Amino acid sequence: EFIDDWYQQLFDTQPHKNESKRAKLALEYTRMLLIDKQY
């Protein structure tokens, strides 16, 4: 439930039913922090 809310706030959309919310959040934060250096 917490992950669903976090996902919705970050991506401004509900996750797709079969989508791995945690993996997509992990990928987005990896990009944000390691590539874009937005810390």
PDB file of all heavy atoms in Angstrom:
ATOM      1  N   GLU A   1       0.835  -1.207   0.000  1.00  0.00           N
ATOM      2  CA  GLU A   1       0.000   0.000   0.000  1.00  0.00           C
ATOM      3  C   GLU A   1       0.871   1.259   0.000  1.00  0.00           C
ATOM      4  O   GLU A   1       0.622   2.210  -0.737  1.00  0.00           O
ATOM      5  CB  GLU A   1      -0.930  -0.004   1.215  1.00  0.00           C
ATOM      6  CG  GLU A   1      -1.925   1.132   1.230  1.00  0.00           C
ATOM      7  CD  GLU A   1      -2.866   1.047   2.422  1.00  0.00           C
ATOM      8  OE1 GLU A   1      -3.320  -0.070   2.749  1.00  0.00           O
ATOM      9  OE2 GLU A   1      -3.130   2.110   3.014  1.00  0.00           O
ATOM     10  N   PHE A   2       1.896   1.265   0.829  1.00  0.00           N
ATOM     11  CA  PHE A   2       2.816   2.402   0.874  1.00  0.00           C
ATOM     12  C   PHE A   2       3.523   2.563  -0.476  1.00  0.00           C
ATOM     13  O   PHE A   2       3.651   3.669  -0.991  1.00  0.00           O
ATOM     14  CB  PHE A   2       3.838   2.216   2.001  1.00  0.00           C
ATOM     15  CG  PHE A   2       4.744   3.408   2.177  1.00  0.00           C
ATOM     16  CD1 PHE A   2       4.387   4.435   3.034  1.00  0.00           C
ATOM     17  CD2 PHE A   2       5.949   3.505   1.489  1.00  0.00           C
ATOM     18  CE1 PHE A   2       5.217   5.550   3.199  1.00  0.00           C
ATOM     19  CE2 PHE A   2       6.776   4.610   1.655  1.00  0.00           C
ATOM     20  CZ  PHE A   2       6.410   5.632   2.509  1.00  0.00           C
ATOM     21  N   ILE A   3       3.973   1.447  -1.048  1.00  0.00           N
ATOM     22  CA  ILE A   3       4.669   1.472  -2.335  1.00  0.00           C
ATOM     23  C   ILE A   3       3.746   1.980  -3.437  1.00  0.00           C
ATOM     24  O   ILE A   3       4.149   2.771  -4.291  1.00  0.00           O
ATOM     25  CB  ILE A   3       5.245   0.081  -2.679  1.00  0.00           C
ATOM     26  CG1 ILE A   3       6.367  -0.294  -1.703  1.00  0.00           C
ATOM     27  CG2 ILE A   3       5.729   0.014  -4.129  1.00  0.00           C
ATOM     28  CD1 ILE A   3       7.567   0.629  -1.700  1.00  0.00           C
ATOM     29  N   ASP A   4       2.473   1.561  -3.427  1.00  0.00           N
ATOM     30  CA  ASP A   4       1.503   2.055  -4.415  1.00  0.00           C
ATOM     31  C   ASP A   4       1.379   3.573  -4.341  1.00  0.00           C
ATOM     32  O   ASP A   4       1.370   4.261  -5.367  1.00  0.00           O
ATOM     33  CB  ASP A   4       0.120   1.425  -4.196  1.00  0.00           C
ATOM     34  CG  ASP A   4       0.050  -0.024  -4.641  1.00  0.00           C
ATOM     35  OD1 ASP A   4       0.980  -0.491  -5.328  1.00  0.00           O
ATOM     36  OD2 ASP A   4      -0.939  -0.688  -4.285  1.00  0.00           O
ATOM     37  N   ASP A   5       1.294   4.104  -3.128  1.00  0.00           N
ATOM     38  CA  ASP A   5       1.163   5.549  -2.934  1.00  0.00           C
ATOM     39  C   ASP A   5       2.427   6.276  -3.395  1.00  0.00           C
ATOM     40  O   ASP A   5       2.368   7.295  -4.083  1.00  0.00           O
ATOM     41  CB  ASP A   5       0.865   5.852  -1.463  1.00  0.00           C
ATOM     42  CG  ASP A   5       0.676   7.344  -1.220  1.00  0.00           C
ATOM     43  OD1 ASP A   5      -0.193   7.952  -1.872  1.00  0.00           O
ATOM     44  OD2 ASP A   5       1.406   7.892  -0.369  1.00  0.00           O
ATOM     45  N   TRP A   6       3.583   5.745  -3.022  1.00  0.00           N
ATOM     46  CA  TRP A   6       4.869   6.322  -3.409  1.00  0.00           C
ATOM     47  C   TRP A   6       4.979   6.351  -4.935  1.00  0.00           C
ATOM     48  O   TRP A   6       5.349   7.357  -5.537  1.00  0.00           O
ATOM     49  CB  TRP A   6       5.984   5.495  -2.787  1.00  0.00           C
ATOM     50  CG  TRP A   6       7.373   6.045  -2.857  1.00  0.00           C
ATOM     51  CD1 TRP A   6       7.808   7.159  -3.521  1.00  0.00           C
ATOM     52  CD2 TRP A   6       8.528   5.489  -2.232  1.00  0.00           C
ATOM     53  NE1 TRP A   6       9.160   7.321  -3.346  1.00  0.00           N
ATOM     54  CE2 TRP A   6       9.629   6.318  -2.568  1.00  0.00           C
ATOM     55  CE3 TRP A   6       8.742   4.378  -1.433  1.00  0.00           C
ATOM     56  CZ2 TRP A   6      10.923   6.051  -2.122  1.00  0.00           C
ATOM     57  CZ3 TRP A   6      10.029   4.119  -0.986  1.00  0.00           C
ATOM     58  CH2 TRP A   6      11.101   4.951  -1.322  1.00  0.00           C
ATOM     59  N   TYR A   7       4.641   5.234  -5.574  1.00  0.00           N
ATOM     60  CA  TYR A   7       4.695   5.120  -7.030  1.00  0.00           C
ATOM     61  C   TYR A   7       3.777   6.158  -7.681  1.00  0.00           C
ATOM     62  O   TYR A   7       4.162   6.862  -8.612  1.00  0.00           O
ATOM     63  CB  TYR A   7       4.267   3.708  -7.436  1.00  0.00           C
ATOM     64  CG  TYR A   7       4.364   3.419  -8.914  1.00  0.00           C
ATOM     65  CD1 TYR A   7       5.431   2.694  -9.422  1.00  0.00           C
ATOM     66  CD2 TYR A   7       3.389   3.852  -9.803  1.00  0.00           C
ATOM     67  CE1 TYR A   7       5.529   2.411 -10.778  1.00  0.00           C
ATOM     68  CE2 TYR A   7       3.481   3.581 -11.154  1.00  0.00           C
ATOM     69  CZ  TYR A   7       4.552   2.860 -11.634  1.00  0.00           C
ATOM     70  OH  TYR A   7       4.635   2.597 -12.969  1.00  0.00           O
ATOM     71  N   GLN A   8       2.561   6.252  -7.166  1.00  0.00           N
ATOM     72  CA  GLN A   8       1.587   7.177  -7.739  1.00  0.00           C
ATOM     73  C   GLN A   8       2.065   8.623  -7.609  1.00  0.00           C
ATOM     74  O   GLN A   8       1.929   9.414  -8.534  1.00  0.00           O
ATOM     75  CB  GLN A   8       0.222   7.009  -7.081  1.00  0.00           C
ATOM     76  CG  GLN A   8      -0.848   7.867  -7.721  1.00  0.00           C
ATOM     77  CD  GLN A   8      -2.228   7.574  -7.173  1.00  0.00           C
ATOM     78  OE1 GLN A   8      -2.399   6.709  -6.330  1.00  0.00           O
ATOM     79  NE2 GLN A   8      -3.205   8.297  -7.652  1.00  0.00           N
ATOM     80  N   GLN A   9       2.634   8.973  -6.481  1.00  0.00           N
ATOM     81  CA  GLN A   9       3.126  10.344  -6.303  1.00  0.00           C
ATOM     82  C   GLN A   9       4.328  10.642  -7.193  1.00  0.00           C
ATOM     83  O   GLN A   9       4.439  11.737  -7.744  1.00  0.00           O
ATOM     84  CB  GLN A   9       3.484  10.590  -4.842  1.00  0.00           C
ATOM     85  CG  GLN A   9       2.270  10.705  -3.949  1.00  0.00           C
ATOM     86  CD  GLN A   9       2.663  11.067  -2.536  1.00  0.00           C
ATOM     87  OE1 GLN A   9       3.565  11.870  -2.321  1.00  0.00           O
ATOM     88  NE2 GLN A   9       1.996  10.470  -1.571  1.00  0.00           N
ATOM     89  N   LEU A  10       5.229   9.675  -7.351  1.00  0.00           N
ATOM     90  CA  LEU A  10       6.424   9.901  -8.153  1.00  0.00           C
ATOM     91  C   LEU A  10       6.109   9.955  -9.646  1.00  0.00           C
ATOM     92  O   LEU A  10       6.591  10.817 -10.360  1.00  0.00           O
ATOM     93  CB  LEU A  10       7.466   8.813  -7.881  1.00  0.00           C
ATOM     94  CG  LEU A  10       8.811   8.996  -8.578  1.00  0.00           C
ATOM     95  CD1 LEU A  10       9.508  10.252  -8.069  1.00  0.00           C
ATOM     96  CD2 LEU A  10       9.692   7.792  -8.344  1.00  0.00           C
ATOM     97  N   PHE A  11       5.270   9.028 -10.114  1.00  0.00           N
ATOM     98  CA  PHE A  11       4.999   8.927 -11.549  1.00  0.00           C
ATOM     99  C   PHE A  11       3.670   9.558 -11.961  1.00  0.00           C
ATOM    100  O   PHE A  11       3.343   9.579 -13.135  1.00  0.00           O
ATOM    101  CB  PHE A  11       5.031   7.461 -11.987  1.00  0.00           C
ATOM    102  CG  PHE A  11       6.378   6.833 -11.825  1.00  0.00           C
ATOM    103  CD1 PHE A  11       6.582   5.851 -10.877  1.00  0.00           C
ATOM    104  CD2 PHE A  11       7.460   7.233 -12.606  1.00  0.00           C
ATOM    105  CE1 PHE A  11       7.828   5.262 -10.717  1.00  0.00           C
ATOM    106  CE2 PHE A  11       8.705   6.658 -12.446  1.00  0.00           C
ATOM    107  CZ  PHE A  11       8.894   5.672 -11.505  1.00  0.00           C
ATOM    108  N   ASP A  12       2.905  10.032 -11.008  1.00  0.00           N
ATOM    109  CA  ASP A  12       1.614  10.658 -11.263  1.00  0.00           C
ATOM    110  C   ASP A  12       0.667   9.737 -12.038  1.00  0.00           C
ATOM    111  O   ASP A  12      -0.081  10.174 -12.904  1.00  0.00           O
ATOM    112  CB  ASP A  12       1.794  11.990 -12.002  1.00  0.00           C
ATOM    113  CG  ASP A  12       0.552  12.873 -11.906  1.00  0.00           C
ATOM    114  OD1 ASP A  12      -0.190  12.738 -10.914  1.00  0.00           O
ATOM    115  OD2 ASP A  12       0.330  13.675 -12.830  1.00  0.00           O
ATOM    116  N   THR A  13       0.729   8.453 -11.746  1.00  0.00           N
ATOM    117  CA  THR A  13      -0.144   7.469 -12.375  1.00  0.00           C
ATOM    118  C   THR A  13      -0.199   6.216 -11.510  1.00  0.00           C
ATOM    119  O   THR A  13       0.707   5.968 -10.716  1.00  0.00           O
ATOM    120  CB  THR A  13       0.355   7.109 -13.793  1.00  0.00           C
ATOM    121  OG1 THR A  13      -0.573   6.225 -14.397  1.00  0.00           O
ATOM    122  CG2 THR A  13       1.722   6.477 -13.781  1.00  0.00           C
ATOM    123  N   GLN A  14      -1.240   5.442 -11.667  1.00  0.00           N
ATOM    124  CA  GLN A  14      -1.338   4.154 -10.970  1.00  0.00           C
ATOM    125  C   GLN A  14      -0.449   3.144 -11.693  1.00  0.00           C
ATOM    126  O   GLN A  14      -0.355   3.175 -12.927  1.00  0.00           O
ATOM    127  CB  GLN A  14      -2.787   3.646 -10.993  1.00  0.00           C
ATOM    128  CG  GLN A  14      -3.726   4.399 -10.091  1.00  0.00           C
ATOM    129  CD  GLN A  14      -3.503   4.054  -8.615  1.00  0.00           C
ATOM    130  OE1 GLN A  14      -2.825   3.109  -8.267  1.00  0.00           O
ATOM    131  NE2 GLN A  14      -4.078   4.866  -7.764  1.00  0.00           N
ATOM    132  N   PRO A  15       0.183   2.241 -10.972  1.00  0.00           N
ATOM    133  CA  PRO A  15       0.991   1.219 -11.650  1.00  0.00           C
ATOM    134  C   PRO A  15       0.090   0.229 -12.388  1.00  0.00           C
ATOM    135  O   PRO A  15      -1.050  -0.009 -11.998  1.00  0.00           O
ATOM    136  CB  PRO A  15       1.730   0.536 -10.501  1.00  0.00           C
ATOM    137  CG  PRO A  15       0.950   0.842  -9.286  1.00  0.00           C
ATOM    138  CD  PRO A  15       0.241   2.142  -9.531  1.00  0.00           C
ATOM    139  N   HIS A  16       0.619  -0.323 -13.474  1.00  0.00           N
ATOM    140  CA  HIS A  16      -0.103  -1.370 -14.194  1.00  0.00           C
ATOM    141  C   HIS A  16      -0.142  -2.613 -13.326  1.00  0.00           C
ATOM    142  O   HIS A  16       0.754  -2.849 -12.510  1.00  0.00           O
ATOM    143  CB  HIS A  16       0.558  -1.675 -15.533  1.00  0.00           C
ATOM    144  CG  HIS A  16       0.577  -0.490 -16.444  1.00  0.00           C
ATOM    145  ND1 HIS A  16      -0.559   0.064 -16.974  1.00  0.00           N
ATOM    146  CD2 HIS A  16       1.613   0.251 -16.907  1.00  0.00           C
ATOM    147  CE1 HIS A  16      -0.232   1.090 -17.733  1.00  0.00           C
ATOM    148  NE2 HIS A  16       1.086   1.244 -17.695  1.00  0.00           N
ATOM    149  N   LYS A  17      -1.164  -3.423 -13.496  1.00  0.00           N
ATOM    150  CA  LYS A  17      -1.391  -4.573 -12.626  1.00  0.00           C
ATOM    151  C   LYS A  17      -0.194  -5.521 -12.559  1.00  0.00           C
ATOM    152  O   LYS A  17       0.178  -5.970 -11.489  1.00  0.00           O
ATOM    153  CB  LYS A  17      -2.647  -5.329 -13.101  1.00  0.00           C
ATOM    154  CG  LYS A  17      -3.222  -6.243 -12.081  1.00  0.00           C
ATOM    155  CD  LYS A  17      -4.549  -6.783 -12.546  1.00  0.00           C
ATOM    156  CE  LYS A  17      -5.363  -7.214 -11.345  1.00  0.00           C
ATOM    157  NZ  LYS A  17      -6.714  -7.569 -11.682  1.00  0.00           N
ATOM    158  N   ASN A  18       0.415  -5.823 -13.704  1.00  0.00           N
ATOM    159  CA  ASN A  18       1.504  -6.797 -13.732  1.00  0.00           C
ATOM    160  C   ASN A  18       2.892  -6.169 -13.611  1.00  0.00           C
ATOM    161  O   ASN A  18       3.890  -6.853 -13.700  1.00  0.00           O
ATOM    162  CB  ASN A  18       1.427  -7.628 -15.023  1.00  0.00           C
ATOM    163  CG  ASN A  18       0.168  -8.445 -15.068  1.00  0.00           C
ATOM    164  OD1 ASN A  18      -0.317  -8.901 -14.038  1.00  0.00           O
ATOM    165  ND2 ASN A  18      -0.383  -8.629 -16.256  1.00  0.00           N
ATOM    166  N   GLU A  19       2.929  -4.872 -13.419  1.00  0.00           N
ATOM    167  CA  GLU A  19       4.197  -4.156 -13.357  1.00  0.00           C
ATOM    168  C   GLU A  19       4.837  -4.312 -11.973  1.00  0.00           C
ATOM    169  O   GLU A  19       4.160  -4.292 -10.954  1.00  0.00           O
ATOM    170  CB  GLU A  19       3.927  -2.682 -13.638  1.00  0.00           C
ATOM    171  CG  GLU A  19       5.148  -1.836 -13.714  1.00  0.00           C
ATOM    172  CD  GLU A  19       4.792  -0.415 -14.114  1.00  0.00           C
ATOM    173  OE1 GLU A  19       3.762   0.112 -13.668  1.00  0.00           O
ATOM    174  OE2 GLU A  19       5.558   0.163 -14.875  1.00  0.00           O
ATOM    175  N   SER A  20       6.147  -4.441 -11.944  1.00  0.00           N
ATOM    176  CA  SER A  20       6.845  -4.482 -10.672  1.00  0.00           C
ATOM    177  C   SER A  20       7.093  -3.047 -10.204  1.00  0.00           C
ATOM    178  O   SER A  20       7.992  -2.367 -10.701  1.00  0.00           O
ATOM    179  CB  SER A  20       8.174  -5.217 -10.794  1.00  0.00           C
ATOM    180  OG  SER A  20       8.903  -5.076  -9.591  1.00  0.00           O
ATOM    181  N   LYS A  21       6.267  -2.605  -9.272  1.00  0.00           N
ATOM    182  CA  LYS A  21       6.374  -1.233  -8.763  1.00  0.00           C
ATOM    183  C   LYS A  21       7.725  -1.007  -8.102  1.00  0.00           C
ATOM    184  O   LYS A  21       8.353   0.029  -8.298  1.00  0.00           O
ATOM    185  CB  LYS A  21       5.246  -0.945  -7.776  1.00  0.00           C
ATOM    186  CG  LYS A  21       3.860  -1.041  -8.378  1.00  0.00           C
ATOM    187  CD  LYS A  21       2.820  -1.028  -7.305  1.00  0.00           C
ATOM    188  CE  LYS A  21       2.875  -2.334  -6.589  1.00  0.00           C
ATOM    189  NZ  LYS A  21       1.666  -3.060  -6.405  1.00  0.00           N
ATOM    190  N   ARG A  22       8.150  -1.961  -7.326  1.00  0.00           N
ATOM    191  CA  ARG A  22       9.418  -1.808  -6.611  1.00  0.00           C
ATOM    192  C   ARG A  22      10.591  -1.704  -7.579  1.00  0.00           C
ATOM    193  O   ARG A  22      11.469  -0.868  -7.414  1.00  0.00           O
ATOM    194  CB  ARG A  22       9.601  -2.952  -5.632  1.00  0.00           C
ATOM    195  CG  ARG A  22       8.745  -2.808  -4.408  1.00  0.00           C
ATOM    196  CD  ARG A  22       8.930  -3.984  -3.445  1.00  0.00           C
ATOM    197  NE  ARG A  22       8.308  -3.707  -2.176  1.00  0.00           N
ATOM    198  CZ  ARG A  22       7.004  -3.848  -1.925  1.00  0.00           C
ATOM    199  NH1 ARG A  22       6.197  -4.258  -2.882  1.00  0.00           N
ATOM    200  NH2 ARG A  22       6.514  -3.573  -0.730  1.00  0.00           N
ATOM    201  N   ALA A  23      10.598  -2.534  -8.608  1.00  0.00           N
ATOM    202  CA  ALA A  23      11.692  -2.489  -9.584  1.00  0.00           C
ATOM    203  C   ALA A  23      11.697  -1.155 -10.328  1.00  0.00           C
ATOM    204  O   ALA A  23      12.759  -0.578 -10.566  1.00  0.00           O
ATOM    205  CB  ALA A  23      11.569  -3.649 -10.565  1.00  0.00           C
ATOM    206  N   LYS A  24      10.528  -0.644 -10.688  1.00  0.00           N
ATOM    207  CA  LYS A  24      10.467   0.628 -11.400  1.00  0.00           C
ATOM    208  C   LYS A  24      10.907   1.784 -10.494  1.00  0.00           C
ATOM    209  O   LYS A  24      11.607   2.696 -10.935  1.00  0.00           O
ATOM    210  CB  LYS A  24       9.066   0.877 -11.948  1.00  0.00           C
ATOM    211  CG  LYS A  24       9.037   2.060 -12.887  1.00  0.00           C
ATOM    212  CD  LYS A  24       7.814   2.122 -13.739  1.00  0.00           C
ATOM    213  CE  LYS A  24       7.891   3.341 -14.653  1.00  0.00           C
ATOM    214  NZ  LYS A  24       6.696   3.575 -15.396  1.00  0.00           N
ATOM    215  N   LEU A  25      10.512   1.748  -9.214  1.00  0.00           N
ATOM    216  CA  LEU A  25      10.979   2.767  -8.273  1.00  0.00           C
ATOM    217  C   LEU A  25      12.499   2.690  -8.111  1.00  0.00           C
ATOM    218  O   LEU A  25      13.177   3.717  -8.122  1.00  0.00           O
ATOM    219  CB  LEU A  25      10.298   2.601  -6.910  1.00  0.00           C
ATOM    220  CG  LEU A  25       8.859   3.087  -6.793  1.00  0.00           C
ATOM    221  CD1 LEU A  25       8.249   2.615  -5.472  1.00  0.00           C
ATOM    222  CD2 LEU A  25       8.781   4.597  -6.898  1.00  0.00           C
ATOM    223  N   ALA A  26      13.021   1.484  -7.973  1.00  0.00           N
ATOM    224  CA  ALA A  26      14.467   1.306  -7.825  1.00  0.00           C
ATOM    225  C   ALA A  26      15.206   1.840  -9.050  1.00  0.00           C
ATOM    226  O   ALA A  26      16.226   2.534  -8.927  1.00  0.00           O
ATOM    227  CB  ALA A  26      14.804  -0.165  -7.598  1.00  0.00           C
ATOM    228  N   LEU A  27      14.688   1.559 -10.239  1.00  0.00           N
ATOM    229  CA  LEU A  27      15.302   2.043 -11.471  1.00  0.00           C
ATOM    230  C   LEU A  27      15.272   3.573 -11.544  1.00  0.00           C
ATOM    231  O   LEU A  27      16.266   4.215 -11.890  1.00  0.00           O
ATOM    232  CB  LEU A  27      14.584   1.433 -12.681  1.00  0.00           C
ATOM    233  CG  LEU A  27      15.163   1.777 -14.043  1.00  0.00           C
ATOM    234  CD1 LEU A  27      16.578   1.242 -14.180  1.00  0.00           C
ATOM    235  CD2 LEU A  27      14.275   1.184 -15.134  1.00  0.00           C
ATOM    236  N   GLU A  28      14.133   4.166 -11.176  1.00  0.00           N
ATOM    237  CA  GLU A  28      14.003   5.618 -11.231  1.00  0.00           C
ATOM    238  C   GLU A  28      14.961   6.297 -10.241  1.00  0.00           C
ATOM    239  O   GLU A  28      15.608   7.282 -10.566  1.00  0.00           O
ATOM    240  CB  GLU A  28      12.560   6.034 -10.928  1.00  0.00           C
ATOM    241  CG  GLU A  28      12.335   7.520 -10.954  1.00  0.00           C
ATOM    242  CD  GLU A  28      12.567   8.187 -12.310  1.00  0.00           C
ATOM    243  OE1 GLU A  28      12.619   7.480 -13.334  1.00  0.00           O
ATOM    244  OE2 GLU A  28      12.717   9.428 -12.342  1.00  0.00           O
ATOM    245  N   TYR A  29      15.059   5.754  -9.023  1.00  0.00           N
ATOM    246  CA  TYR A  29      15.974   6.355  -8.048  1.00  0.00           C
ATOM    247  C   TYR A  29      17.434   6.133  -8.435  1.00  0.00           C
ATOM    248  O   TYR A  29      18.286   6.979  -8.177  1.00  0.00           O
ATOM    249  CB  TYR A  29      15.677   5.864  -6.637  1.00  0.00           C
ATOM    250  CG  TYR A  29      14.520   6.613  -6.037  1.00  0.00           C
ATOM    251  CD1 TYR A  29      13.260   6.058  -5.966  1.00  0.00           C
ATOM    252  CD2 TYR A  29      14.678   7.923  -5.601  1.00  0.00           C
ATOM    253  CE1 TYR A  29      12.182   6.768  -5.450  1.00  0.00           C
ATOM    254  CE2 TYR A  29      13.612   8.650  -5.092  1.00  0.00           C
ATOM    255  CZ  TYR A  29      12.374   8.059  -5.018  1.00  0.00           C
ATOM    256  OH  TYR A  29      11.326   8.784  -4.515  1.00  0.00           O
ATOM    257  N   THR A  30      17.741   5.013  -9.069  1.00  0.00           N
ATOM    258  CA  THR A  30      19.100   4.779  -9.556  1.00  0.00           C
ATOM    259  C   THR A  30      19.459   5.830 -10.604  1.00  0.00           C
ATOM    260  O   THR A  30      20.528   6.439 -10.560  1.00  0.00           O
ATOM    261  CB  THR A  30      19.240   3.363 -10.144  1.00  0.00           C
ATOM    262  OG1 THR A  30      18.947   2.411  -9.116  1.00  0.00           O
ATOM    263  CG2 THR A  30      20.641   3.125 -10.678  1.00  0.00           C
ATOM    264  N   ARG A  31      18.547   6.068 -11.545  1.00  0.00           N
ATOM    265  CA  ARG A  31      18.780   7.081 -12.569  1.00  0.00           C
ATOM    266  C   ARG A  31      18.916   8.466 -11.923  1.00  0.00           C
ATOM    267  O   ARG A  31      19.844   9.214 -12.213  1.00  0.00           O
ATOM    268  CB  ARG A  31      17.629   7.107 -13.592  1.00  0.00           C
ATOM    269  CG  ARG A  31      17.866   8.125 -14.719  1.00  0.00           C
ATOM    270  CD  ARG A  31      16.607   8.464 -15.484  1.00  0.00           C
ATOM    271  NE  ARG A  31      15.532   8.989 -14.654  1.00  0.00           N
ATOM    272  CZ  ARG A  31      15.488  10.224 -14.134  1.00  0.00           C
ATOM    273  NH1 ARG A  31      16.484  11.060 -14.324  1.00  0.00           N
ATOM    274  NH2 ARG A  31      14.468  10.625 -13.406  1.00  0.00           N
ATOM    275  N   MET A  32      17.991   8.764 -11.015  1.00  0.00           N
ATOM    276  CA  MET A  32      17.959  10.082 -10.384  1.00  0.00           C
ATOM    277  C   MET A  32      19.247  10.362  -9.607  1.00  0.00           C
ATOM    278  O   MET A  32      19.813  11.453  -9.694  1.00  0.00           O
ATOM    279  CB  MET A  32      16.755  10.158  -9.437  1.00  0.00           C
ATOM    280  CG  MET A  32      16.509  11.496  -8.804  1.00  0.00           C
ATOM    281  SD  MET A  32      15.150  11.453  -7.599  1.00  0.00           S
ATOM    282  CE  MET A  32      13.801  10.776  -8.537  1.00  0.00           C
ATOM    283  N   LEU A  33      19.718   9.376  -8.874  1.00  0.00           N
ATOM    284  CA  LEU A  33      20.865   9.602  -7.992  1.00  0.00           C
ATOM    285  C   LEU A  33      22.212   9.346  -8.663  1.00  0.00           C
ATOM    286  O   LEU A  33      23.130  10.155  -8.527  1.00  0.00           O
ATOM    287  CB  LEU A  33      20.734   8.749  -6.734  1.00  0.00           C
ATOM    288  CG  LEU A  33      19.653   9.258  -5.770  1.00  0.00           C
ATOM    289  CD1 LEU A  33      19.228   8.187  -4.801  1.00  0.00           C
ATOM    290  CD2 LEU A  33      20.163  10.484  -5.035  1.00  0.00           C
ATOM    291  N   LEU A  34      22.363   8.232  -9.366  1.00  0.00           N
ATOM    292  CA  LEU A  34      23.681   7.901  -9.904  1.00  0.00           C
ATOM    293  C   LEU A  34      23.966   8.544 -11.248  1.00  0.00           C
ATOM    294  O   LEU A  34      25.116   8.837 -11.556  1.00  0.00           O
ATOM    295  CB  LEU A  34      23.856   6.387 -10.009  1.00  0.00           C
ATOM    296  CG  LEU A  34      23.896   5.657  -8.676  1.00  0.00           C
ATOM    297  CD1 LEU A  34      24.177   4.182  -8.887  1.00  0.00           C
ATOM    298  CD2 LEU A  34      24.914   6.262  -7.738  1.00  0.00           C
ATOM    299  N   ILE A  35      22.949   8.791 -12.040  1.00  0.00           N
ATOM    300  CA  ILE A  35      23.181   9.379 -13.353  1.00  0.00           C
ATOM    301  C   ILE A  35      22.976  10.890 -13.316  1.00  0.00           C
ATOM    302  O   ILE A  35      23.833  11.656 -13.731  1.00  0.00           O
ATOM    303  CB  ILE A  35      22.291   8.707 -14.413  1.00  0.00           C
ATOM    304  CG1 ILE A  35      22.703   7.233 -14.525  1.00  0.00           C
ATOM    305  CG2 ILE A  35      22.385   9.412 -15.763  1.00  0.00           C
ATOM    306  CD1 ILE A  35      21.799   6.364 -15.316  1.00  0.00           C
ATOM    307  N   ASP A  36      21.842  11.329 -12.802  1.00  0.00           N
ATOM    308  CA  ASP A  36      21.521  12.763 -12.785  1.00  0.00           C
ATOM    309  C   ASP A  36      22.093  13.497 -11.573  1.00  0.00           C
ATOM    310  O   ASP A  36      22.076  14.717 -11.529  1.00  0.00           O
ATOM    311  CB  ASP A  36      20.003  12.973 -12.824  1.00  0.00           C
ATOM    312  CG  ASP A  36      19.387  12.441 -14.100  1.00  0.00           C
ATOM    313  OD1 ASP A  36      20.118  12.253 -15.091  1.00  0.00           O
ATOM    314  OD2 ASP A  36      18.168  12.203 -14.110  1.00  0.00           O
ATOM    315  N   LYS A  37      22.564  12.756 -10.571  1.00  0.00           N
ATOM    316  CA  LYS A  37      23.151  13.325  -9.346  1.00  0.00           C
ATOM    317  C   LYS A  37      22.185  14.263  -8.618  1.00  0.00           C
ATOM    318  O   LYS A  37      22.572  15.287  -8.076  1.00  0.00           O
ATOM    319  CB  LYS A  37      24.454  14.070  -9.654  1.00  0.00           C
ATOM    320  CG  LYS A  37      25.490  13.274 -10.400  1.00  0.00           C
ATOM    321  CD  LYS A  37      26.191  12.267  -9.530  1.00  0.00           C
ATOM    322  CE  LYS A  37      27.366  11.634 -10.200  1.00  0.00           C
ATOM    323  NZ  LYS A  37      27.144  10.335 -10.763  1.00  0.00           N
ATOM    324  N   GLN A  38      20.903  13.903  -8.611  1.00  0.00           N
ATOM    325  CA  GLN A  38      19.893  14.698  -7.916  1.00  0.00           C
ATOM    326  C   GLN A  38      19.722  14.155  -6.489  1.00  0.00           C
ATOM    327  O   GLN A  38      18.874  13.331  -6.231  1.00  0.00           O
ATOM    328  CB  GLN A  38      18.553  14.622  -8.663  1.00  0.00           C
ATOM    329  CG  GLN A  38      18.594  15.202 -10.038  1.00  0.00           C
ATOM    330  CD  GLN A  38      17.283  14.989 -10.770  1.00  0.00           C
ATOM    331  OE1 GLN A  38      16.390  14.305 -10.296  1.00  0.00           O
ATOM    332  NE2 GLN A  38      17.178  15.573 -11.941  1.00  0.00           N
ATOM    333  N   TYR A  39      20.545  14.644  -5.601  1.00  0.00           N
ATOM    334  CA  TYR A  39      20.531  14.129  -4.232  1.00  0.00           C
ATOM    335  C   TYR A  39      20.020  15.145  -3.218  1.00  0.00           C
ATOM    336  O   TYR A  39      19.815  14.820  -2.052  1.00  0.00           O
ATOM    337  CB  TYR A  39      21.940  13.690  -3.814  1.00  0.00           C
ATOM    338  CG  TYR A  39      22.938  14.825  -3.815  1.00  0.00           C
ATOM    339  CD1 TYR A  39      23.095  15.619  -2.699  1.00  0.00           C
ATOM    340  CD2 TYR A  39      23.680  15.109  -4.943  1.00  0.00           C
ATOM    341  CE1 TYR A  39      23.989  16.673  -2.709  1.00  0.00           C
ATOM    342  CE2 TYR A  39      24.575  16.155  -4.964  1.00  0.00           C
ATOM    343  CZ  TYR A  39      24.724  16.935  -3.836  1.00  0.00           C
ATOM    344  OH  TYR A  39      25.600  17.982  -3.853  1.00  0.00           O
TER     345      TYR A  39
END
